[in-house]
Amino acid sequence: TTASCSRGSASDAAREQDAVVTMLPAGQHVRQVYLGDSGILKTAKAGTLFIDSSTIDVAAARDVHTAAKTAGVEFLDAPVSGGVGGASAGTLTFMVGGDEAAFGRAKPILEKMGKNIFHAGGAGTGQAAKICNNMLLAISMIGTCEAFVLAEKLGLSHETLFKISSTASGQCWSLTSYCPVPGPVPASPANRDYQPGFTASMMLKDLKLAQNAAQTSGASTPLGAQAAALYSMFEAAGAGGRDFSGIIQLLRGNPQA
């Protein structure tokens, strides 16, 4: 059986389950739910499989992995990518860190919710994959937005730039699947006044996680740092609830337009 949401404590809900999936806002919440005084690891039966699909810091994920092993249960960090649309369509991507045998148990469960299920490696590597991917996404989105802003100033239409760049070396997902200007990709949030599929504040959260990991590991990520600074400005301007592709409005000098 797999635990589902119900009234009562998380530990009560998870007590007799074979598998439990959690998704929480931040590392502190994951630590509390799993490792707190009433944490679910304290009451779980031996062999329970825990799958945490939160996006959190790598250190927190690895701490829970260690505690789970001590408690005689299995734990996987399995953050997701794909947003609200992917969740609704069952096409999410899961990036999973942890023991390969546990991954084998988890895969049929995750396949009910997602289309692409990747075993990233050992403890914490699911989180590592997620923050690296989203840092790359933020950088590519900002670059795509800058190209459109420059094109506007130079008299090049959105449609023309899209047609050229989508078949030339500038092609990327931020352009062809999530275009930050209305028109070329009808399903993109730009066509809905940047109503969010993935908010700017959520992107900023992931960028902060990436920057913290970069500082801890000694990795040089200057573009990631600049992306975090720009999304911080966008959020400070009151636009954190808009889609992350709306960062183009900040580059135009009118973040709340």
C-alpha atoms as a PDB file:
ATOM      1  CA  THR A   1       0.000   0.000   0.000  1.00  0.00           C
ATOM      2  CA  THR A   2       1.009   3.605  -0.542  1.00  0.00           C
ATOM      3  CA  ALA A   3       0.162   6.327   1.956  1.00  0.00           C
ATOM      4  CA  SER A   4      -2.296   9.011   0.904  1.00  0.00           C
ATOM      5  CA  CYS A   5      -3.178  12.339   2.498  1.00  0.00           C
ATOM      6  CA  SER A   6      -5.619  12.201   5.411  1.00  0.00           C
ATOM      7  CA  ARG A   7      -6.297  13.977   8.684  1.00  0.00           C
ATOM      8  CA  GLY A   8      -3.896  13.221  11.511  1.00  0.00           C
ATOM      9  CA  SER A   9      -0.129  13.135  11.809  1.00  0.00           C
ATOM     10  CA  ALA A  10       2.249  12.157   9.051  1.00  0.00           C
ATOM     11  CA  SER A  11       3.677   9.408  11.236  1.00  0.00           C
ATOM     12  CA  ASP A  12       0.200   7.935  11.740  1.00  0.00           C
ATOM     13  CA  ALA A  13      -0.463   8.016   7.995  1.00  0.00           C
ATOM     14  CA  ALA A  14       2.840   6.319   7.195  1.00  0.00           C
ATOM     15  CA  ARG A  15       2.887   3.789  10.033  1.00  0.00           C
ATOM     16  CA  GLU A  16       1.690   0.652   8.222  1.00  0.00           C
ATOM     17  CA  GLN A  17       2.441   1.580   4.621  1.00  0.00           C
ATOM     18  CA  ASP A  18       4.720  -0.279   2.239  1.00  0.00           C
ATOM     19  CA  ALA A  19       5.586   2.918   0.349  1.00  0.00           C
ATOM     20  CA  VAL A  20       5.203   6.615   1.134  1.00  0.00           C
ATOM     21  CA  VAL A  21       5.645   9.589  -1.213  1.00  0.00           C
ATOM     22  CA  THR A  22       6.264  13.042   0.264  1.00  0.00           C
ATOM     23  CA  MET A  23       6.631  16.472  -1.334  1.00  0.00           C
ATOM     24  CA  LEU A  24       7.405  19.397   0.960  1.00  0.00           C
ATOM     25  CA  PRO A  25       8.424  23.063   0.512  1.00  0.00           C
ATOM     26  CA  ALA A  26      12.000  23.070   1.834  1.00  0.00           C
ATOM     27  CA  GLY A  27      14.748  21.110   3.544  1.00  0.00           C
ATOM     28  CA  GLN A  28      13.674  22.211   7.012  1.00  0.00           C
ATOM     29  CA  HIS A  29      10.239  20.700   6.444  1.00  0.00           C
ATOM     30  CA  VAL A  30      11.705  17.431   5.181  1.00  0.00           C
ATOM     31  CA  ARG A  31      13.972  17.224   8.223  1.00  0.00           C
ATOM     32  CA  GLN A  32      11.024  17.876  10.535  1.00  0.00           C
ATOM     33  CA  VAL A  33       8.697  15.339   8.897  1.00  0.00           C
ATOM     34  CA  TYR A  34      11.330  12.602   8.712  1.00  0.00           C
ATOM     35  CA  LEU A  35      13.687  13.351  11.596  1.00  0.00           C
ATOM     36  CA  GLY A  36      11.624  15.377  14.088  1.00  0.00           C
ATOM     37  CA  ASP A  37      10.372  14.217  17.476  1.00  0.00           C
ATOM     38  CA  SER A  38       7.295  12.768  15.773  1.00  0.00           C
ATOM     39  CA  GLY A  39       9.093  11.982  12.538  1.00  0.00           C
ATOM     40  CA  ILE A  40       7.814   9.270  10.245  1.00  0.00           C
ATOM     41  CA  LEU A  41      11.034   7.263  10.481  1.00  0.00           C
ATOM     42  CA  LYS A  42      10.354   6.619  14.167  1.00  0.00           C
ATOM     43  CA  THR A  43       7.148   4.672  13.558  1.00  0.00           C
ATOM     44  CA  ALA A  44       7.659   3.199  10.084  1.00  0.00           C
ATOM     45  CA  LYS A  45       7.702  -0.558   9.790  1.00  0.00           C
ATOM     46  CA  ALA A  46      10.918  -2.211   8.635  1.00  0.00           C
ATOM     47  CA  GLY A  47      11.457  -2.145   4.899  1.00  0.00           C
ATOM     48  CA  THR A  48       9.096   0.741   4.150  1.00  0.00           C
ATOM     49  CA  LEU A  49      10.075   2.632   1.007  1.00  0.00           C
ATOM     50  CA  PHE A  50      10.066   6.427   1.344  1.00  0.00           C
ATOM     51  CA  ILE A  51      10.206   8.573  -1.799  1.00  0.00           C
ATOM     52  CA  ASP A  52      10.698  12.288  -1.214  1.00  0.00           C
ATOM     53  CA  SER A  53       9.936  14.457  -4.232  1.00  0.00           C
ATOM     54  CA  SER A  54      10.705  17.772  -2.555  1.00  0.00           C
ATOM     55  CA  THR A  55      13.386  20.015  -4.045  1.00  0.00           C
ATOM     56  CA  ILE A  56      15.796  20.604  -1.162  1.00  0.00           C
ATOM     57  CA  ASP A  57      19.482  20.973  -0.390  1.00  0.00           C
ATOM     58  CA  VAL A  58      21.680  17.963  -1.035  1.00  0.00           C
ATOM     59  CA  ALA A  59      22.916  17.882   2.578  1.00  0.00           C
ATOM     60  CA  ALA A  60      19.385  17.538   3.969  1.00  0.00           C
ATOM     61  CA  ALA A  61      18.598  14.728   1.536  1.00  0.00           C
ATOM     62  CA  ARG A  62      21.751  12.861   2.520  1.00  0.00           C
ATOM     63  CA  ASP A  63      20.994  13.280   6.225  1.00  0.00           C
ATOM     64  CA  VAL A  64      17.597  11.647   5.732  1.00  0.00           C
ATOM     65  CA  HIS A  65      19.190   8.852   3.675  1.00  0.00           C
ATOM     66  CA  THR A  66      21.541   8.121   6.589  1.00  0.00           C
ATOM     67  CA  ALA A  67      18.754   8.197   9.172  1.00  0.00           C
ATOM     68  CA  ALA A  68      16.549   5.960   7.041  1.00  0.00           C
ATOM     69  CA  LYS A  69      19.275   3.356   6.734  1.00  0.00           C
ATOM     70  CA  THR A  70      19.720   3.377  10.518  1.00  0.00           C
ATOM     71  CA  ALA A  71      15.945   2.952  10.936  1.00  0.00           C
ATOM     72  CA  GLY A  72      15.874  -0.069   8.634  1.00  0.00           C
ATOM     73  CA  VAL A  73      13.830   1.559   5.879  1.00  0.00           C
ATOM     74  CA  GLU A  74      14.612   2.675   2.336  1.00  0.00           C
ATOM     75  CA  PHE A  75      14.717   6.310   1.224  1.00  0.00           C
ATOM     76  CA  LEU A  76      15.059   7.962  -2.174  1.00  0.00           C
ATOM     77  CA  ASP A  77      15.418  11.636  -3.002  1.00  0.00           C
ATOM     78  CA  ALA A  78      13.328  12.027  -6.151  1.00  0.00           C
ATOM     79  CA  PRO A  79      12.669  15.655  -7.131  1.00  0.00           C
ATOM     80  CA  VAL A  80      10.541  16.322 -10.188  1.00  0.00           C
ATOM     81  CA  SER A  81      10.585  18.519 -13.258  1.00  0.00           C
ATOM     82  CA  GLY A  82       7.666  19.308 -15.530  1.00  0.00           C
ATOM     83  CA  GLY A  83       5.510  21.708 -13.557  1.00  0.00           C
ATOM     84  CA  VAL A  84       1.752  21.754 -13.188  1.00  0.00           C
ATOM     85  CA  GLY A  85       1.205  20.677 -16.783  1.00  0.00           C
ATOM     86  CA  GLY A  86       3.433  17.639 -16.397  1.00  0.00           C
ATOM     87  CA  ALA A  87       1.724  16.662 -13.154  1.00  0.00           C
ATOM     88  CA  SER A  88      -1.727  16.913 -14.731  1.00  0.00           C
ATOM     89  CA  ALA A  89      -0.669  14.917 -17.781  1.00  0.00           C
ATOM     90  CA  GLY A  90       1.366  12.329 -15.869  1.00  0.00           C
ATOM     91  CA  THR A  91       4.499  13.234 -17.825  1.00  0.00           C
ATOM     92  CA  LEU A  92       6.775  14.452 -15.026  1.00  0.00           C
ATOM     93  CA  THR A  93      10.499  13.737 -15.014  1.00  0.00           C
ATOM     94  CA  PHE A  94      11.835  12.185 -11.799  1.00  0.00           C
ATOM     95  CA  MET A  95      15.528  12.425 -10.906  1.00  0.00           C
ATOM     96  CA  VAL A  96      16.164   9.768  -8.291  1.00  0.00           C
ATOM     97  CA  GLY A  97      19.052   9.399  -5.880  1.00  0.00           C
ATOM     98  CA  GLY A  98      19.635   6.363  -3.703  1.00  0.00           C
ATOM     99  CA  ASP A  99      20.157   2.622  -3.640  1.00  0.00           C
ATOM    100  CA  GLU A 100      19.550   0.864  -6.956  1.00  0.00           C
ATOM    101  CA  ALA A 101      17.378  -1.826  -5.396  1.00  0.00           C
ATOM    102  CA  ALA A 102      15.181   0.826  -3.791  1.00  0.00           C
ATOM    103  CA  PHE A 103      14.972   2.566  -7.153  1.00  0.00           C
ATOM    104  CA  GLY A 104      13.724  -0.677  -8.663  1.00  0.00           C
ATOM    105  CA  ARG A 105      10.925  -0.790  -6.082  1.00  0.00           C
ATOM    106  CA  ALA A 106      10.068   2.854  -6.648  1.00  0.00           C
ATOM    107  CA  LYS A 107      10.022   2.893 -10.425  1.00  0.00           C
ATOM    108  CA  PRO A 108       6.532   1.356 -10.899  1.00  0.00           C
ATOM    109  CA  ILE A 109       5.134   3.919  -8.452  1.00  0.00           C
ATOM    110  CA  LEU A 110       6.839   6.844 -10.153  1.00  0.00           C
ATOM    111  CA  GLU A 111       5.728   5.627 -13.575  1.00  0.00           C
ATOM    112  CA  LYS A 112       2.135   6.280 -12.474  1.00  0.00           C
ATOM    113  CA  MET A 113       3.034   9.976 -12.205  1.00  0.00           C
ATOM    114  CA  GLY A 114       5.847  10.504 -14.676  1.00  0.00           C
ATOM    115  CA  LYS A 115       7.132   9.648 -18.110  1.00  0.00           C
ATOM    116  CA  ASN A 116      10.900   9.929 -17.616  1.00  0.00           C
ATOM    117  CA  ILE A 117      12.330   8.196 -14.545  1.00  0.00           C
ATOM    118  CA  PHE A 118      16.108   8.520 -14.111  1.00  0.00           C
ATOM    119  CA  HIS A 119      18.340   6.882 -11.524  1.00  0.00           C
ATOM    120  CA  ALA A 120      20.886   9.646 -10.975  1.00  0.00           C
ATOM    121  CA  GLY A 121      23.124   7.681  -8.616  1.00  0.00           C
ATOM    122  CA  GLY A 122      23.636   7.507  -4.866  1.00  0.00           C
ATOM    123  CA  ALA A 123      22.169   9.492  -1.999  1.00  0.00           C
ATOM    124  CA  GLY A 124      21.536  13.150  -2.867  1.00  0.00           C
ATOM    125  CA  THR A 125      22.204  12.866  -6.583  1.00  0.00           C
ATOM    126  CA  GLY A 126      18.542  13.337  -7.434  1.00  0.00           C
ATOM    127  CA  GLN A 127      18.693  16.740  -5.765  1.00  0.00           C
ATOM    128  CA  ALA A 128      22.000  17.481  -7.479  1.00  0.00           C
ATOM    129  CA  ALA A 129      20.467  16.726 -10.879  1.00  0.00           C
ATOM    130  CA  LYS A 130      17.434  18.918 -10.167  1.00  0.00           C
ATOM    131  CA  ILE A 131      19.350  22.023  -9.107  1.00  0.00           C
ATOM    132  CA  CYS A 132      21.867  21.677 -11.952  1.00  0.00           C
ATOM    133  CA  ASN A 133      19.026  21.309 -14.465  1.00  0.00           C
ATOM    134  CA  ASN A 134      17.096  24.285 -13.133  1.00  0.00           C
ATOM    135  CA  MET A 135      20.171  26.494 -12.998  1.00  0.00           C
ATOM    136  CA  LEU A 136      20.721  25.678 -16.671  1.00  0.00           C
ATOM    137  CA  LEU A 137      17.039  26.381 -17.391  1.00  0.00           C
ATOM    138  CA  ALA A 138      17.174  29.792 -15.701  1.00  0.00           C
ATOM    139  CA  ILE A 139      20.318  30.781 -17.582  1.00  0.00           C
ATOM    140  CA  SER A 140      18.879  29.672 -20.921  1.00  0.00           C
ATOM    141  CA  MET A 141      15.585  31.469 -20.257  1.00  0.00           C
ATOM    142  CA  ILE A 142      17.353  34.718 -19.424  1.00  0.00           C
ATOM    143  CA  GLY A 143      19.491  34.393 -22.547  1.00  0.00           C
ATOM    144  CA  THR A 144      16.389  33.753 -24.655  1.00  0.00           C
ATOM    145  CA  CYS A 145      14.661  36.777 -23.130  1.00  0.00           C
ATOM    146  CA  GLU A 146      17.692  38.981 -23.781  1.00  0.00           C
ATOM    147  CA  ALA A 147      17.696  37.932 -27.427  1.00  0.00           C
ATOM    148  CA  PHE A 148      14.048  38.942 -27.837  1.00  0.00           C
ATOM    149  CA  VAL A 149      14.594  42.262 -26.040  1.00  0.00           C
ATOM    150  CA  LEU A 150      17.533  43.068 -28.315  1.00  0.00           C
ATOM    151  CA  ALA A 151      15.539  41.990 -31.382  1.00  0.00           C
ATOM    152  CA  GLU A 152      12.753  44.386 -30.382  1.00  0.00           C
ATOM    153  CA  LYS A 153      15.224  47.267 -30.198  1.00  0.00           C
ATOM    154  CA  LEU A 154      16.698  46.369 -33.592  1.00  0.00           C
ATOM    155  CA  GLY A 155      13.372  46.053 -35.393  1.00  0.00           C
ATOM    156  CA  LEU A 156      13.368  42.263 -35.748  1.00  0.00           C
ATOM    157  CA  SER A 157       9.966  40.667 -35.151  1.00  0.00           C
ATOM    158  CA  HIS A 158       9.401  38.004 -32.531  1.00  0.00           C
ATOM    159  CA  GLU A 159       8.185  35.551 -35.158  1.00  0.00           C
ATOM    160  CA  THR A 160      11.216  36.062 -37.388  1.00  0.00           C
ATOM    161  CA  LEU A 161      13.696  35.602 -34.558  1.00  0.00           C
ATOM    162  CA  PHE A 162      11.815  32.512 -33.407  1.00  0.00           C
ATOM    163  CA  LYS A 163      11.803  30.932 -36.863  1.00  0.00           C
ATOM    164  CA  ILE A 164      15.517  31.550 -37.345  1.00  0.00           C
ATOM    165  CA  SER A 165      16.806  30.676 -33.868  1.00  0.00           C
ATOM    166  CA  SER A 166      14.594  27.607 -33.485  1.00  0.00           C
ATOM    167  CA  THR A 167      16.380  26.032 -36.458  1.00  0.00           C
ATOM    168  CA  ALA A 168      19.821  27.579 -35.887  1.00  0.00           C
ATOM    169  CA  SER A 169      22.429  27.200 -33.154  1.00  0.00           C
ATOM    170  CA  GLY A 170      20.373  29.245 -30.669  1.00  0.00           C
ATOM    171  CA  GLN A 171      17.746  26.503 -30.431  1.00  0.00           C
ATOM    172  CA  CYS A 172      16.838  25.524 -26.851  1.00  0.00           C
ATOM    173  CA  TRP A 173      13.830  24.399 -24.795  1.00  0.00           C
ATOM    174  CA  SER A 174      13.285  27.900 -23.403  1.00  0.00           C
ATOM    175  CA  LEU A 175      12.764  29.097 -26.965  1.00  0.00           C
ATOM    176  CA  THR A 176      10.953  26.268 -28.720  1.00  0.00           C
ATOM    177  CA  SER A 177       8.779  24.881 -25.911  1.00  0.00           C
ATOM    178  CA  TYR A 178       8.376  27.796 -23.478  1.00  0.00           C
ATOM    179  CA  CYS A 179       8.885  30.896 -25.605  1.00  0.00           C
ATOM    180  CA  PRO A 180       8.860  34.023 -23.376  1.00  0.00           C
ATOM    181  CA  VAL A 181       6.958  36.186 -25.887  1.00  0.00           C
ATOM    182  CA  PRO A 182       3.363  35.589 -27.033  1.00  0.00           C
ATOM    183  CA  GLY A 183       2.667  34.085 -30.411  1.00  0.00           C
ATOM    184  CA  PRO A 184       5.319  31.592 -31.529  1.00  0.00           C
ATOM    185  CA  VAL A 185       4.440  28.892 -28.949  1.00  0.00           C
ATOM    186  CA  PRO A 186       0.705  29.188 -28.194  1.00  0.00           C
ATOM    187  CA  ALA A 187       0.849  27.060 -25.031  1.00  0.00           C
ATOM    188  CA  SER A 188       3.569  29.115 -23.322  1.00  0.00           C
ATOM    189  CA  PRO A 189       2.651  31.319 -20.314  1.00  0.00           C
ATOM    190  CA  ALA A 190       3.559  34.440 -22.308  1.00  0.00           C
ATOM    191  CA  ASN A 191       0.202  34.005 -24.048  1.00  0.00           C
ATOM    192  CA  ARG A 192      -1.611  34.152 -20.678  1.00  0.00           C
ATOM    193  CA  ASP A 193       0.047  37.282 -19.278  1.00  0.00           C
ATOM    194  CA  TYR A 194       2.646  35.054 -17.585  1.00  0.00           C
ATOM    195  CA  GLN A 195       0.205  33.174 -15.397  1.00  0.00           C
ATOM    196  CA  PRO A 196       2.543  30.606 -13.893  1.00  0.00           C
ATOM    197  CA  GLY A 197       3.329  27.108 -14.823  1.00  0.00           C
ATOM    198  CA  PHE A 198       6.464  27.506 -12.681  1.00  0.00           C
ATOM    199  CA  THR A 199       6.721  30.695 -10.658  1.00  0.00           C
ATOM    200  CA  ALA A 200       9.685  33.034 -10.543  1.00  0.00           C
ATOM    201  CA  SER A 201       9.841  32.545  -6.768  1.00  0.00           C
ATOM    202  CA  MET A 202      10.160  28.781  -7.192  1.00  0.00           C
ATOM    203  CA  MET A 203      12.923  29.307  -9.731  1.00  0.00           C
ATOM    204  CA  LEU A 204      14.689  31.631  -7.300  1.00  0.00           C
ATOM    205  CA  LYS A 205      14.438  28.974  -4.584  1.00  0.00           C
ATOM    206  CA  ASP A 206      16.165  26.452  -6.857  1.00  0.00           C
ATOM    207  CA  LEU A 207      18.811  28.969  -7.903  1.00  0.00           C
ATOM    208  CA  LYS A 208      19.604  29.685  -4.258  1.00  0.00           C
ATOM    209  CA  LEU A 209      19.979  25.954  -3.646  1.00  0.00           C
ATOM    210  CA  ALA A 210      22.331  25.755  -6.630  1.00  0.00           C
ATOM    211  CA  GLN A 211      24.394  28.695  -5.404  1.00  0.00           C
ATOM    212  CA  ASN A 212      24.652  27.264  -1.901  1.00  0.00           C
ATOM    213  CA  ALA A 213      25.792  23.956  -3.379  1.00  0.00           C
ATOM    214  CA  ALA A 214      28.296  25.744  -5.621  1.00  0.00           C
ATOM    215  CA  GLN A 215      29.775  27.610  -2.675  1.00  0.00           C
ATOM    216  CA  THR A 216      29.969  24.477  -0.548  1.00  0.00           C
ATOM    217  CA  SER A 217      31.565  22.393  -3.292  1.00  0.00           C
ATOM    218  CA  GLY A 218      33.838  25.103  -4.684  1.00  0.00           C
ATOM    219  CA  ALA A 219      32.219  25.111  -8.140  1.00  0.00           C
ATOM    220  CA  SER A 220      32.420  28.278 -10.232  1.00  0.00           C
ATOM    221  CA  THR A 221      28.940  29.275 -11.459  1.00  0.00           C
ATOM    222  CA  PRO A 222      29.070  32.989 -12.393  1.00  0.00           C
ATOM    223  CA  LEU A 223      26.094  32.803 -14.752  1.00  0.00           C
ATOM    224  CA  GLY A 224      24.103  30.906 -12.145  1.00  0.00           C
ATOM    225  CA  ALA A 225      24.919  33.634  -9.634  1.00  0.00           C
ATOM    226  CA  GLN A 226      23.789  36.333 -12.058  1.00  0.00           C
ATOM    227  CA  ALA A 227      20.578  34.419 -12.784  1.00  0.00           C
ATOM    228  CA  ALA A 228      19.867  34.241  -9.050  1.00  0.00           C
ATOM    229  CA  ALA A 229      20.470  37.987  -8.732  1.00  0.00           C
ATOM    230  CA  LEU A 230      18.070  38.777 -11.589  1.00  0.00           C
ATOM    231  CA  TYR A 231      15.303  36.548 -10.246  1.00  0.00           C
ATOM    232  CA  SER A 232      15.806  38.083  -6.810  1.00  0.00           C
ATOM    233  CA  MET A 233      15.250  41.525  -8.370  1.00  0.00           C
ATOM    234  CA  PHE A 234      12.164  40.229 -10.181  1.00  0.00           C
ATOM    235  CA  GLU A 235      10.713  38.847  -6.949  1.00  0.00           C
ATOM    236  CA  ALA A 236      11.554  42.046  -5.049  1.00  0.00           C
ATOM    237  CA  ALA A 237       9.594  43.984  -7.680  1.00  0.00           C
ATOM    238  CA  GLY A 238       6.485  42.019  -6.688  1.00  0.00           C
ATOM    239  CA  ALA A 239       6.561  39.586  -9.595  1.00  0.00           C
ATOM    240  CA  GLY A 240       7.504  36.396  -7.753  1.00  0.00           C
ATOM    241  CA  GLY A 241       4.100  34.861  -8.406  1.00  0.00           C
ATOM    242  CA  ARG A 242       4.383  35.265 -12.165  1.00  0.00           C
ATOM    243  CA  ASP A 243       5.818  32.610 -14.443  1.00  0.00           C
ATOM    244  CA  PHE A 244       9.599  32.501 -14.501  1.00  0.00           C
ATOM    245  CA  SER A 245       9.584  33.334 -18.226  1.00  0.00           C
ATOM    246  CA  GLY A 246       8.136  36.717 -17.255  1.00  0.00           C
ATOM    247  CA  ILE A 247      11.708  37.754 -16.388  1.00  0.00           C
ATOM    248  CA  ILE A 248      11.637  39.324 -19.863  1.00  0.00           C
ATOM    249  CA  GLN A 249       9.574  42.132 -18.332  1.00  0.00           C
ATOM    250  CA  LEU A 250      12.404  42.913 -15.912  1.00  0.00           C
ATOM    251  CA  LEU A 251      14.815  43.130 -18.837  1.00  0.00           C
ATOM    252  CA  ARG A 252      12.403  45.523 -20.543  1.00  0.00           C
ATOM    253  CA  GLY A 253      12.495  47.686 -17.427  1.00  0.00           C
ATOM    254  CA  ASN A 254       8.888  47.054 -16.385  1.00  0.00           C
ATOM    255  CA  PRO A 255       8.723  43.890 -14.246  1.00  0.00           C
ATOM    256  CA  GLN A 256       5.045  44.239 -13.338  1.00  0.00           C
ATOM    257  CA  ALA A 257       3.784  44.933 -16.871  1.00  0.00           C
END
